[in-house]
mmCIF file of all heavy atoms, coordinates in Angstrom:
data_MODEL
# 
_entry.id   MODEL 
# 
loop_
_atom_site.group_PDB 
_atom_site.id 
_atom_site.type_symbol 
_atom_site.label_atom_id 
_atom_site.label_alt_id 
_atom_site.label_comp_id 
_atom_site.label_asym_id 
_atom_site.label_entity_id 
_atom_site.label_seq_id 
_atom_site.pdbx_PDB_ins_code 
_atom_site.Cartn_x 
_atom_site.Cartn_y 
_atom_site.Cartn_z 
_atom_site.occupancy 
_atom_site.B_iso_or_equiv 
_atom_site.pdbx_formal_charge 
_atom_site.auth_seq_id 
_atom_site.auth_comp_id 
_atom_site.auth_asym_id 
_atom_site.auth_atom_id 
_atom_site.pdbx_PDB_model_num 
ATOM 1   N N   . ARG A 1 1  ? -0.743 -8.058  21.093 1.00 0.00 ? 1  ARG A N   1 
ATOM 2   C CA  . ARG A 1 1  ? -0.116 -8.896  20.089 1.00 0.00 ? 1  ARG A CA  1 
ATOM 3   C C   . ARG A 1 1  ? -0.355 -8.289  18.707 1.00 0.00 ? 1  ARG A C   1 
ATOM 4   O O   . ARG A 1 1  ? -1.474 -7.880  18.385 1.00 0.00 ? 1  ARG A O   1 
ATOM 5   C CB  . ARG A 1 1  ? -0.680 -10.317 20.157 1.00 0.00 ? 1  ARG A CB  1 
ATOM 6   C CG  . ARG A 1 1  ? 0.084  -11.321 19.312 1.00 0.00 ? 1  ARG A CG  1 
ATOM 7   C CD  . ARG A 1 1  ? -0.388 -12.751 19.572 1.00 0.00 ? 1  ARG A CD  1 
ATOM 8   N NE  . ARG A 1 1  ? -0.174 -13.144 20.963 1.00 0.00 ? 1  ARG A NE  1 
ATOM 9   C CZ  . ARG A 1 1  ? -0.392 -14.361 21.437 1.00 0.00 ? 1  ARG A CZ  1 
ATOM 10  N NH1 . ARG A 1 1  ? -0.834 -15.324 20.619 1.00 0.00 ? 1  ARG A NH1 1 
ATOM 11  N NH2 . ARG A 1 1  ? -0.186 -14.633 22.713 1.00 0.00 ? 1  ARG A NH2 1 
ATOM 12  N N   . GLU A 1 2  ? 0.697  -8.232  17.894 1.00 0.00 ? 2  GLU A N   1 
ATOM 13  C CA  . GLU A 1 2  ? 0.600  -7.599  16.595 1.00 0.00 ? 2  GLU A CA  1 
ATOM 14  C C   . GLU A 1 2  ? 1.140  -8.498  15.487 1.00 0.00 ? 2  GLU A C   1 
ATOM 15  O O   . GLU A 1 2  ? 2.011  -9.338  15.712 1.00 0.00 ? 2  GLU A O   1 
ATOM 16  C CB  . GLU A 1 2  ? 1.361  -6.266  16.581 1.00 0.00 ? 2  GLU A CB  1 
ATOM 17  C CG  . GLU A 1 2  ? 2.862  -6.411  16.786 1.00 0.00 ? 2  GLU A CG  1 
ATOM 18  C CD  . GLU A 1 2  ? 3.609  -5.093  16.692 1.00 0.00 ? 2  GLU A CD  1 
ATOM 19  O OE1 . GLU A 1 2  ? 2.989  -4.074  16.345 1.00 0.00 ? 2  GLU A OE1 1 
ATOM 20  O OE2 . GLU A 1 2  ? 4.832  -5.087  16.974 1.00 0.00 ? 2  GLU A OE2 1 
ATOM 21  N N   . LEU A 1 3  ? 0.611  -8.289  14.296 1.00 0.00 ? 3  LEU A N   1 
ATOM 22  C CA  . LEU A 1 3  ? 1.066  -9.032  13.129 1.00 0.00 ? 3  LEU A CA  1 
ATOM 23  C C   . LEU A 1 3  ? 2.470  -8.600  12.747 1.00 0.00 ? 3  LEU A C   1 
ATOM 24  O O   . LEU A 1 3  ? 2.781  -7.408  12.746 1.00 0.00 ? 3  LEU A O   1 
ATOM 25  C CB  . LEU A 1 3  ? 0.109  -8.808  11.955 1.00 0.00 ? 3  LEU A CB  1 
ATOM 26  C CG  . LEU A 1 3  ? 0.423  -9.525  10.644 1.00 0.00 ? 3  LEU A CG  1 
ATOM 27  C CD1 . LEU A 1 3  ? -0.870 -9.889  9.922  1.00 0.00 ? 3  LEU A CD1 1 
ATOM 28  C CD2 . LEU A 1 3  ? 1.277  -8.638  9.734  1.00 0.00 ? 3  LEU A CD2 1 
ATOM 29  N N   . VAL A 1 4  ? 3.308  -9.577  12.422 1.00 0.00 ? 4  VAL A N   1 
ATOM 30  C CA  . VAL A 1 4  ? 4.639  -9.319  11.891 1.00 0.00 ? 4  VAL A CA  1 
ATOM 31  C C   . VAL A 1 4  ? 4.662  -9.609  10.395 1.00 0.00 ? 4  VAL A C   1 
ATOM 32  O O   . VAL A 1 4  ? 5.038  -8.759  9.590  1.00 0.00 ? 4  VAL A O   1 
ATOM 33  C CB  . VAL A 1 4  ? 5.715  -10.147 12.612 1.00 0.00 ? 4  VAL A CB  1 
ATOM 34  C CG1 . VAL A 1 4  ? 7.089  -9.928  11.974 1.00 0.00 ? 4  VAL A CG1 1 
ATOM 35  C CG2 . VAL A 1 4  ? 5.756  -9.800  14.094 1.00 0.00 ? 4  VAL A CG2 1 
ATOM 36  N N   . ALA A 1 5  ? 4.270  -10.826 10.021 1.00 0.00 ? 5  ALA A N   1 
ATOM 37  C CA  . ALA A 1 5  ? 4.267  -11.228 8.619  1.00 0.00 ? 5  ALA A CA  1 
ATOM 38  C C   . ALA A 1 5  ? 3.385  -12.440 8.430  1.00 0.00 ? 5  ALA A C   1 
ATOM 39  O O   . ALA A 1 5  ? 3.245  -13.262 9.332  1.00 0.00 ? 5  ALA A O   1 
ATOM 40  C CB  . ALA A 1 5  ? 5.689  -11.539 8.135  1.00 0.00 ? 5  ALA A CB  1 
ATOM 41  N N   . THR A 1 6  ? 2.785  -12.565 7.243  1.00 0.00 ? 6  THR A N   1 
ATOM 42  C CA  . THR A 1 6  ? 1.996  -13.744 6.896  1.00 0.00 ? 6  THR A CA  1 
ATOM 43  C C   . THR A 1 6  ? 2.366  -14.210 5.498  1.00 0.00 ? 6  THR A C   1 
ATOM 44  O O   . THR A 1 6  ? 2.862  -13.437 4.678  1.00 0.00 ? 6  THR A O   1 
ATOM 45  C CB  . THR A 1 6  ? 0.478  -13.474 6.933  1.00 0.00 ? 6  THR A CB  1 
ATOM 46  O OG1 . THR A 1 6  ? 0.145  -12.447 5.997  1.00 0.00 ? 6  THR A OG1 1 
ATOM 47  C CG2 . THR A 1 6  ? 0.035  -13.067 8.332  1.00 0.00 ? 6  THR A CG2 1 
ATOM 48  N N   . ILE A 1 7  ? 2.090  -15.484 5.233  1.00 0.00 ? 7  ILE A N   1 
ATOM 49  C CA  . ILE A 1 7  ? 2.300  -16.043 3.903  1.00 0.00 ? 7  ILE A CA  1 
ATOM 50  C C   . ILE A 1 7  ? 1.170  -17.015 3.611  1.00 0.00 ? 7  ILE A C   1 
ATOM 51  O O   . ILE A 1 7  ? 0.850  -17.887 4.421  1.00 0.00 ? 7  ILE A O   1 
ATOM 52  C CB  . ILE A 1 7  ? 3.692  -16.709 3.776  1.00 0.00 ? 7  ILE A CB  1 
ATOM 53  C CG1 . ILE A 1 7  ? 3.925  -17.213 2.344  1.00 0.00 ? 7  ILE A CG1 1 
ATOM 54  C CG2 . ILE A 1 7  ? 3.868  -17.825 4.802  1.00 0.00 ? 7  ILE A CG2 1 
ATOM 55  C CD1 . ILE A 1 7  ? 5.381  -17.574 2.069  1.00 0.00 ? 7  ILE A CD1 1 
ATOM 56  N N   . THR A 1 8  ? 0.534  -16.869 2.446  1.00 0.00 ? 8  THR A N   1 
ATOM 57  C CA  . THR A 1 8  ? -0.579 -17.725 2.071  1.00 0.00 ? 8  THR A CA  1 
ATOM 58  C C   . THR A 1 8  ? -0.075 -19.001 1.418  1.00 0.00 ? 8  THR A C   1 
ATOM 59  O O   . THR A 1 8  ? 1.110  -19.151 1.123  1.00 0.00 ? 8  THR A O   1 
ATOM 60  C CB  . THR A 1 8  ? -1.526 -17.008 1.103  1.00 0.00 ? 8  THR A CB  1 
ATOM 61  O OG1 . THR A 1 8  ? -0.863 -16.823 -0.158 1.00 0.00 ? 8  THR A OG1 1 
ATOM 62  C CG2 . THR A 1 8  ? -1.950 -15.652 1.653  1.00 0.00 ? 8  THR A CG2 1 
ATOM 63  N N   . SER A 1 9  ? -1.016 -19.932 1.162  1.00 0.00 ? 9  SER A N   1 
ATOM 64  C CA  . SER A 1 9  ? -0.664 -21.162 0.471  1.00 0.00 ? 9  SER A CA  1 
ATOM 65  C C   . SER A 1 9  ? -0.160 -20.882 -0.938 1.00 0.00 ? 9  SER A C   1 
ATOM 66  O O   . SER A 1 9  ? 0.605  -21.676 -1.491 1.00 0.00 ? 9  SER A O   1 
ATOM 67  C CB  . SER A 1 9  ? -1.863 -22.107 0.419  1.00 0.00 ? 9  SER A CB  1 
ATOM 68  O OG  . SER A 1 9  ? -2.963 -21.513 -0.257 1.00 0.00 ? 9  SER A OG  1 
ATOM 69  N N   . GLY A 1 10 ? -0.586 -19.765 -1.523 1.00 0.00 ? 10 GLY A N   1 
ATOM 70  C CA  . GLY A 1 10 ? -0.135 -19.376 -2.846 1.00 0.00 ? 10 GLY A CA  1 
ATOM 71  C C   . GLY A 1 10 ? 1.155  -18.587 -2.860 1.00 0.00 ? 10 GLY A C   1 
ATOM 72  O O   . GLY A 1 10 ? 1.646  -18.228 -3.937 1.00 0.00 ? 10 GLY A O   1 
ATOM 73  N N   . GLY A 1 11 ? 1.702  -18.296 -1.686 1.00 0.00 ? 11 GLY A N   1 
ATOM 74  C CA  . GLY A 1 11 ? 2.978  -17.606 -1.597 1.00 0.00 ? 11 GLY A CA  1 
ATOM 75  C C   . GLY A 1 11 ? 2.897  -16.107 -1.443 1.00 0.00 ? 11 GLY A C   1 
ATOM 76  O O   . GLY A 1 11 ? 3.939  -15.439 -1.408 1.00 0.00 ? 11 GLY A O   1 
ATOM 77  N N   . SER A 1 12 ? 1.695  -15.549 -1.349 1.00 0.00 ? 12 SER A N   1 
ATOM 78  C CA  . SER A 1 12 ? 1.563  -14.111 -1.141 1.00 0.00 ? 12 SER A CA  1 
ATOM 79  C C   . SER A 1 12 ? 1.979  -13.752 0.275  1.00 0.00 ? 12 SER A C   1 
ATOM 80  O O   . SER A 1 12 ? 1.611  -14.438 1.229  1.00 0.00 ? 12 SER A O   1 
ATOM 81  C CB  . SER A 1 12 ? 0.131  -13.658 -1.385 1.00 0.00 ? 12 SER A CB  1 
ATOM 82  O OG  . SER A 1 12 ? -0.250 -13.878 -2.735 1.00 0.00 ? 12 SER A OG  1 
ATOM 83  N N   . THR A 1 13 ? 2.735  -12.681 0.418  1.00 0.00 ? 13 THR A N   1 
ATOM 84  C CA  . THR A 1 13 ? 3.238  -12.266 1.725  1.00 0.00 ? 13 THR A CA  1 
ATOM 85  C C   . THR A 1 13 ? 2.701  -10.899 2.118  1.00 0.00 ? 13 THR A C   1 
ATOM 86  O O   . THR A 1 13 ? 2.352  -10.075 1.267  1.00 0.00 ? 13 THR A O   1 
ATOM 87  C CB  . THR A 1 13 ? 4.769  -12.228 1.749  1.00 0.00 ? 13 THR A CB  1 
ATOM 88  O OG1 . THR A 1 13 ? 5.241  -11.340 0.725  1.00 0.00 ? 13 THR A OG1 1 
ATOM 89  C CG2 . THR A 1 13 ? 5.341  -13.617 1.508  1.00 0.00 ? 13 THR A CG2 1 
ATOM 90  N N   . ASN A 1 14 ? 2.654  -10.680 3.417  1.00 0.00 ? 14 ASN A N   1 
ATOM 91  C CA  . ASN A 1 14 ? 2.227  -9.413  3.980  1.00 0.00 ? 14 ASN A CA  1 
ATOM 92  C C   . ASN A 1 14 ? 3.097  -9.125  5.191  1.00 0.00 ? 14 ASN A C   1 
ATOM 93  O O   . ASN A 1 14 ? 3.334  -10.012 6.002  1.00 0.00 ? 14 ASN A O   1 
ATOM 94  C CB  . ASN A 1 14 ? 0.747  -9.468  4.379  1.00 0.00 ? 14 ASN A CB  1 
ATOM 95  C CG  . ASN A 1 14 ? 0.245  -8.154  4.924  1.00 0.00 ? 14 ASN A CG  1 
ATOM 96  O OD1 . ASN A 1 14 ? 0.444  -7.112  4.317  1.00 0.00 ? 14 ASN A OD1 1 
ATOM 97  N ND2 . ASN A 1 14 ? -0.423 -8.192  6.069  1.00 0.00 ? 14 ASN A ND2 1 
ATOM 98  N N   . TYR A 1 15 ? 3.558  -7.875  5.317  1.00 0.00 ? 15 TYR A N   1 
ATOM 99  C CA  . TYR A 1 15 ? 4.449  -7.486  6.394  1.00 0.00 ? 15 TYR A CA  1 
ATOM 100 C C   . TYR A 1 15 ? 3.950  -6.247  7.104  1.00 0.00 ? 15 TYR A C   1 
ATOM 101 O O   . TYR A 1 15 ? 3.368  -5.352  6.494  1.00 0.00 ? 15 TYR A O   1 
ATOM 102 C CB  . TYR A 1 15 ? 5.859  -7.185  5.876  1.00 0.00 ? 15 TYR A CB  1 
ATOM 103 C CG  . TYR A 1 15 ? 6.572  -8.348  5.254  1.00 0.00 ? 15 TYR A CG  1 
ATOM 104 C CD1 . TYR A 1 15 ? 6.495  -8.592  3.891  1.00 0.00 ? 15 TYR A CD1 1 
ATOM 105 C CD2 . TYR A 1 15 ? 7.348  -9.205  6.031  1.00 0.00 ? 15 TYR A CD2 1 
ATOM 106 C CE1 . TYR A 1 15 ? 7.160  -9.658  3.317  1.00 0.00 ? 15 TYR A CE1 1 
ATOM 107 C CE2 . TYR A 1 15 ? 8.014  -10.273 5.463  1.00 0.00 ? 15 TYR A CE2 1 
ATOM 108 C CZ  . TYR A 1 15 ? 7.921  -10.494 4.105  1.00 0.00 ? 15 TYR A CZ  1 
ATOM 109 O OH  . TYR A 1 15 ? 8.590  -11.557 3.534  1.00 0.00 ? 15 TYR A OH  1 
ATOM 110 N N   . ALA A 1 16 ? 4.207  -6.199  8.404  1.00 0.00 ? 16 ALA A N   1 
ATOM 111 C CA  . ALA A 1 16 ? 3.992  -4.964  9.134  1.00 0.00 ? 16 ALA A CA  1 
ATOM 112 C C   . ALA A 1 16 ? 4.969  -3.911  8.618  1.00 0.00 ? 16 ALA A C   1 
ATOM 113 O O   . ALA A 1 16 ? 6.101  -4.226  8.248  1.00 0.00 ? 16 ALA A O   1 
ATOM 114 C CB  . ALA A 1 16 ? 4.202  -5.184  10.629 1.00 0.00 ? 16 ALA A CB  1 
ATOM 115 N N   . ASP A 1 17 ? 4.529  -2.655  8.591  1.00 0.00 ? 17 ASP A N   1 
ATOM 116 C CA  . ASP A 1 17 ? 5.388  -1.584  8.095  1.00 0.00 ? 17 ASP A CA  1 
ATOM 117 C C   . ASP A 1 17 ? 6.711  -1.509  8.863  1.00 0.00 ? 17 ASP A C   1 
ATOM 118 O O   . ASP A 1 17 ? 7.756  -1.183  8.295  1.00 0.00 ? 17 ASP A O   1 
ATOM 119 C CB  . ASP A 1 17 ? 4.672  -0.241  8.187  1.00 0.00 ? 17 ASP A CB  1 
ATOM 120 C CG  . ASP A 1 17 ? 3.564  -0.103  7.161  1.00 0.00 ? 17 ASP A CG  1 
ATOM 121 O OD1 . ASP A 1 17 ? 3.551  -0.862  6.170  1.00 0.00 ? 17 ASP A OD1 1 
ATOM 122 O OD2 . ASP A 1 17 ? 2.698  0.777   7.350  1.00 0.00 ? 17 ASP A OD2 1 
ATOM 123 N N   . SER A 1 18 ? 6.673  -1.829  10.139 1.00 0.00 ? 18 SER A N   1 
ATOM 124 C CA  . SER A 1 18 ? 7.848  -1.706  10.983 1.00 0.00 ? 18 SER A CA  1 
ATOM 125 C C   . SER A 1 18 ? 8.958  -2.700  10.646 1.00 0.00 ? 18 SER A C   1 
ATOM 126 O O   . SER A 1 18 ? 10.102 -2.500  11.055 1.00 0.00 ? 18 SER A O   1 
ATOM 127 C CB  . SER A 1 18 ? 7.462  -1.858  12.456 1.00 0.00 ? 18 SER A CB  1 
ATOM 128 O OG  . SER A 1 18 ? 6.870  -3.118  12.692 1.00 0.00 ? 18 SER A OG  1 
ATOM 129 N N   . VAL A 1 19 ? 8.624  -3.767  9.910  1.00 0.00 ? 19 VAL A N   1 
ATOM 130 C CA  . VAL A 1 19 ? 9.626  -4.789  9.605  1.00 0.00 ? 19 VAL A CA  1 
ATOM 131 C C   . VAL A 1 19 ? 9.909  -4.927  8.119  1.00 0.00 ? 19 VAL A C   1 
ATOM 132 O O   . VAL A 1 19 ? 10.801 -5.698  7.733  1.00 0.00 ? 19 VAL A O   1 
ATOM 133 C CB  . VAL A 1 19 ? 9.225  -6.169  10.179 1.00 0.00 ? 19 VAL A CB  1 
ATOM 134 C CG1 . VAL A 1 19 ? 8.920  -6.061  11.667 1.00 0.00 ? 19 VAL A CG1 1 
ATOM 135 C CG2 . VAL A 1 19 ? 8.046  -6.762  9.419  1.00 0.00 ? 19 VAL A CG2 1 
ATOM 136 N N   . LYS A 1 20 ? 9.198  -4.194  7.277  1.00 0.00 ? 20 LYS A N   1 
ATOM 137 C CA  . LYS A 1 20 ? 9.421  -4.276  5.835  1.00 0.00 ? 20 LYS A CA  1 
ATOM 138 C C   . LYS A 1 20 ? 10.866 -3.918  5.494  1.00 0.00 ? 20 LYS A C   1 
ATOM 139 O O   . LYS A 1 20 ? 11.408 -2.946  5.993  1.00 0.00 ? 20 LYS A O   1 
ATOM 140 C CB  . LYS A 1 20 ? 8.469  -3.351  5.092  1.00 0.00 ? 20 LYS A CB  1 
ATOM 141 C CG  . LYS A 1 20 ? 7.048  -3.867  5.003  1.00 0.00 ? 20 LYS A CG  1 
ATOM 142 C CD  . LYS A 1 20 ? 6.161  -2.920  4.209  1.00 0.00 ? 20 LYS A CD  1 
ATOM 143 C CE  . LYS A 1 20 ? 4.753  -3.460  4.092  1.00 0.00 ? 20 LYS A CE  1 
ATOM 144 N NZ  . LYS A 1 20 ? 3.856  -2.527  3.372  1.00 0.00 ? 20 LYS A NZ  1 
ATOM 145 N N   . GLY A 1 21 ? 11.457 -4.731  4.637  1.00 0.00 ? 21 GLY A N   1 
ATOM 146 C CA  . GLY A 1 21 ? 12.838 -4.519  4.236  1.00 0.00 ? 21 GLY A CA  1 
ATOM 147 C C   . GLY A 1 21 ? 13.851 -5.152  5.158  1.00 0.00 ? 21 GLY A C   1 
ATOM 148 O O   . GLY A 1 21 ? 15.039 -5.219  4.811  1.00 0.00 ? 21 GLY A O   1 
ATOM 149 N N   . ARG A 1 22 ? 13.409 -5.611  6.328  1.00 0.00 ? 22 ARG A N   1 
ATOM 150 C CA  . ARG A 1 22 ? 14.319 -6.234  7.285  1.00 0.00 ? 22 ARG A CA  1 
ATOM 151 C C   . ARG A 1 22 ? 13.995 -7.707  7.533  1.00 0.00 ? 22 ARG A C   1 
ATOM 152 O O   . ARG A 1 22 ? 14.904 -8.510  7.732  1.00 0.00 ? 22 ARG A O   1 
ATOM 153 C CB  . ARG A 1 22 ? 14.279 -5.496  8.628  1.00 0.00 ? 22 ARG A CB  1 
ATOM 154 C CG  . ARG A 1 22 ? 14.704 -4.028  8.539  1.00 0.00 ? 22 ARG A CG  1 
ATOM 155 C CD  . ARG A 1 22 ? 14.850 -3.415  9.924  1.00 0.00 ? 22 ARG A CD  1 
ATOM 156 N NE  . ARG A 1 22 ? 13.583 -3.408  10.659 1.00 0.00 ? 22 ARG A NE  1 
ATOM 157 C CZ  . ARG A 1 22 ? 13.394 -4.012  11.828 1.00 0.00 ? 22 ARG A CZ  1 
ATOM 158 N NH1 . ARG A 1 22 ? 14.390 -4.669  12.411 1.00 0.00 ? 22 ARG A NH1 1 
ATOM 159 N NH2 . ARG A 1 22 ? 12.214 -3.940  12.436 1.00 0.00 ? 22 ARG A NH2 1 
ATOM 160 N N   . PHE A 1 23 ? 12.708 -8.045  7.543  1.00 0.00 ? 23 PHE A N   1 
ATOM 161 C CA  . PHE A 1 23 ? 12.269 -9.413  7.817  1.00 0.00 ? 23 PHE A CA  1 
ATOM 162 C C   . PHE A 1 23 ? 11.767 -10.068 6.540  1.00 0.00 ? 23 PHE A C   1 
ATOM 163 O O   . PHE A 1 23 ? 11.194 -9.403  5.665  1.00 0.00 ? 23 PHE A O   1 
ATOM 164 C CB  . PHE A 1 23 ? 11.133 -9.433  8.837  1.00 0.00 ? 23 PHE A CB  1 
ATOM 165 C CG  . PHE A 1 23 ? 11.520 -9.027  10.230 1.00 0.00 ? 23 PHE A CG  1 
ATOM 166 C CD1 . PHE A 1 23 ? 12.757 -8.470  10.515 1.00 0.00 ? 23 PHE A CD1 1 
ATOM 167 C CD2 . PHE A 1 23 ? 10.626 -9.213  11.272 1.00 0.00 ? 23 PHE A CD2 1 
ATOM 168 C CE1 . PHE A 1 23 ? 13.103 -8.095  11.804 1.00 0.00 ? 23 PHE A CE1 1 
ATOM 169 C CE2 . PHE A 1 23 ? 10.955 -8.845  12.567 1.00 0.00 ? 23 PHE A CE2 1 
ATOM 170 C CZ  . PHE A 1 23 ? 12.186 -8.290  12.831 1.00 0.00 ? 23 PHE A CZ  1 
ATOM 171 N N   . THR A 1 24 ? 11.943 -11.376 6.442  1.00 0.00 ? 24 THR A N   1 
ATOM 172 C CA  . THR A 1 24 ? 11.444 -12.144 5.308  1.00 0.00 ? 24 THR A CA  1 
ATOM 173 C C   . THR A 1 24 ? 10.770 -13.413 5.809  1.00 0.00 ? 24 THR A C   1 
ATOM 174 O O   . THR A 1 24 ? 11.383 -14.187 6.551  1.00 0.00 ? 24 THR A O   1 
ATOM 175 C CB  . THR A 1 24 ? 12.567 -12.526 4.331  1.00 0.00 ? 24 THR A CB  1 
ATOM 176 O OG1 . THR A 1 24 ? 13.216 -11.343 3.861  1.00 0.00 ? 24 THR A OG1 1 
ATOM 177 C CG2 . THR A 1 24 ? 12.000 -13.285 3.140  1.00 0.00 ? 24 THR A CG2 1 
ATOM 178 N N   . ILE A 1 25 ? 9.519  -13.624 5.414  1.00 0.00 ? 25 ILE A N   1 
ATOM 179 C CA  . ILE A 1 25 ? 8.813  -14.844 5.758  1.00 0.00 ? 25 ILE A CA  1 
ATOM 180 C C   . ILE A 1 25 ? 8.852  -15.785 4.555  1.00 0.00 ? 25 ILE A C   1 
ATOM 181 O O   . ILE A 1 25 ? 8.763  -15.346 3.409  1.00 0.00 ? 25 ILE A O   1 
ATOM 182 C CB  . ILE A 1 25 ? 7.358  -14.561 6.185  1.00 0.00 ? 25 ILE A CB  1 
ATOM 183 C CG1 . ILE A 1 25 ? 6.695  -15.827 6.740  1.00 0.00 ? 25 ILE A CG1 1 
ATOM 184 C CG2 . ILE A 1 25 ? 6.545  -13.961 5.044  1.00 0.00 ? 25 ILE A CG2 1 
ATOM 185 C CD1 . ILE A 1 25 ? 5.342  -15.568 7.394  1.00 0.00 ? 25 ILE A CD1 1 
ATOM 186 N N   . SER A 1 26 ? 9.003  -17.070 4.813  1.00 0.00 ? 26 SER A N   1 
ATOM 187 C CA  . SER A 1 26 ? 9.069  -18.040 3.736  1.00 0.00 ? 26 SER A CA  1 
ATOM 188 C C   . SER A 1 26 ? 8.571  -19.397 4.209  1.00 0.00 ? 26 SER A C   1 
ATOM 189 O O   . SER A 1 26 ? 8.572  -19.692 5.413  1.00 0.00 ? 26 SER A O   1 
ATOM 190 C CB  . SER A 1 26 ? 10.498 -18.171 3.200  1.00 0.00 ? 26 SER A CB  1 
ATOM 191 O OG  . SER A 1 26 ? 11.379 -18.632 4.206  1.00 0.00 ? 26 SER A OG  1 
ATOM 192 N N   . ARG A 1 27 ? 8.127  -20.214 3.258  1.00 0.00 ? 27 ARG A N   1 
ATOM 193 C CA  . ARG A 1 27 ? 7.760  -21.593 3.552  1.00 0.00 ? 27 ARG A CA  1 
ATOM 194 C C   . ARG A 1 27 ? 8.938  -22.498 3.237  1.00 0.00 ? 27 ARG A C   1 
ATOM 195 O O   . ARG A 1 27 ? 9.661  -22.282 2.268  1.00 0.00 ? 27 ARG A O   1 
ATOM 196 C CB  . ARG A 1 27 ? 6.538  -22.007 2.747  1.00 0.00 ? 27 ARG A CB  1 
ATOM 197 C CG  . ARG A 1 27 ? 5.239  -21.351 3.201  1.00 0.00 ? 27 ARG A CG  1 
ATOM 198 C CD  . ARG A 1 27 ? 4.063  -21.880 2.400  1.00 0.00 ? 27 ARG A CD  1 
ATOM 199 N NE  . ARG A 1 27 ? 2.798  -21.256 2.809  1.00 0.00 ? 27 ARG A NE  1 
ATOM 200 C CZ  . ARG A 1 27 ? 1.990  -21.750 3.744  1.00 0.00 ? 27 ARG A CZ  1 
ATOM 201 N NH1 . ARG A 1 27 ? 2.291  -22.877 4.370  1.00 0.00 ? 27 ARG A NH1 1 
ATOM 202 N NH2 . ARG A 1 27 ? 0.868  -21.109 4.048  1.00 0.00 ? 27 ARG A NH2 1 
# 
């Protein structure tokens, strides 16, 4: 199992290199 994307309570996001520019995480 691998990380795809995360988003903190403050709105900071983190993406796996393989999905950057293609995937968007949002609350």
